[in-house]
Amino acid sequence: MDRKTIEEKVIELVGVAYRKDISEISADTVLRDLSSRSILLAGLVSLLCEEFNISLSIPEVDACGNVGAIVNLILEKI
């Protein structure tokens, strides 16, 4: 899977987890700007693990800061 495909899927999953339109989300989007509710981050981590068949922790994803960094993390794990 290439970076562009992963980025598109991550943006889609962020939209689902945070209940946002994907047109509002880009690689530069900071998750904390979308919501500070940790339950939403936990949901996103679950979706990412399931979609990419990898193991991620909430602190790992939280430390990423933005969507682009999450994509980088996923690329490292797959």
Protein backbone atom coordinates (compact mmCIF):
# COMPACT_ATOMS: atom_id res chain seq x y z
CA MET A 1 0.00 0.00 0.00
CA ASP A 2 1.44 3.38 -0.95
CA ARG A 3 1.57 6.53 1.19
CA LYS A 4 -1.22 8.31 -0.70
CA THR A 5 -3.61 5.39 -0.25
CA ILE A 6 -2.78 5.11 3.45
CA GLU A 7 -3.22 8.86 3.92
CA GLU A 8 -6.62 8.81 2.23
CA LYS A 9 -7.75 5.91 4.43
CA VAL A 10 -6.44 7.57 7.61
CA ILE A 11 -8.28 10.78 6.73
CA GLU A 12 -11.45 8.76 6.18
CA LEU A 13 -11.05 7.01 9.54
CA VAL A 14 -10.33 10.29 11.35
CA GLY A 15 -13.55 11.63 9.84
CA VAL A 16 -15.47 8.62 11.12
CA ALA A 17 -13.93 8.66 14.60
CA TYR A 18 -14.25 12.41 15.10
CA ARG A 19 -17.52 12.79 13.18
CA LYS A 20 -16.05 15.35 10.78
CA ASP A 21 -16.41 15.78 7.04
CA ILE A 22 -13.23 14.55 5.35
CA SER A 23 -13.04 17.81 3.41
CA GLU A 24 -12.07 19.41 6.76
CA ILE A 25 -9.17 16.98 7.27
CA SER A 26 -5.70 16.95 5.69
CA ALA A 27 -2.24 15.61 6.54
CA ASP A 28 -1.66 18.79 8.55
CA THR A 29 -4.77 18.38 10.69
CA VAL A 30 -3.97 18.20 14.40
CA LEU A 31 -6.25 15.73 16.18
CA ARG A 32 -6.48 17.87 19.33
CA ASP A 33 -7.90 20.66 17.17
CA LEU A 34 -10.77 18.35 16.20
CA SER A 35 -11.62 17.36 19.77
CA SER A 36 -9.93 16.91 23.11
CA ARG A 37 -12.11 13.93 24.03
CA SER A 38 -9.84 10.95 24.60
CA ILE A 39 -12.64 8.48 23.83
CA LEU A 40 -12.56 9.67 20.21
CA LEU A 41 -8.81 9.05 20.04
CA ALA A 42 -9.34 5.56 21.47
CA GLY A 43 -11.94 4.90 18.78
CA LEU A 44 -9.57 6.11 16.08
CA VAL A 45 -6.78 3.85 17.33
CA SER A 46 -9.15 0.89 17.23
CA LEU A 47 -10.21 1.71 13.65
CA LEU A 48 -6.58 2.12 12.53
CA CYS A 49 -5.52 -1.18 14.09
CA GLU A 50 -8.40 -3.01 12.45
CA GLU A 51 -7.99 -1.38 9.03
CA PHE A 52 -4.24 -1.84 8.74
CA ASN A 53 -3.96 -5.04 10.80
CA ILE A 54 -1.29 -3.53 13.05
CA SER A 55 -0.88 -2.87 16.75
CA LEU A 56 -0.93 0.75 17.89
CA SER A 57 -1.27 2.27 21.34
CA ILE A 58 -3.23 5.36 22.26
CA PRO A 59 -0.08 7.16 23.51
CA GLU A 60 1.73 6.35 20.23
CA VAL A 61 -1.01 7.89 18.12
CA ASP A 62 -1.52 10.80 20.50
CA ALA A 63 2.20 11.64 20.29
CA CYS A 64 1.95 11.91 16.50
CA GLY A 65 0.26 15.27 16.66
CA ASN A 66 -1.16 15.37 13.15
CA VAL A 67 -2.59 13.08 10.50
CA GLY A 68 0.63 13.05 8.46
CA ALA A 69 2.59 11.78 11.44
CA ILE A 70 0.02 9.03 11.96
CA VAL A 71 0.53 8.00 8.35
CA ASN A 72 4.29 7.85 8.98
CA LEU A 73 3.71 5.69 12.05
CA ILE A 74 1.52 3.30 10.08
CA LEU A 75 4.13 3.07 7.32
CA GLU A 76 6.71 2.08 9.94
CA LYS A 77 4.43 -0.64 11.31
CA ILE A 78 3.33 -2.32 8.09
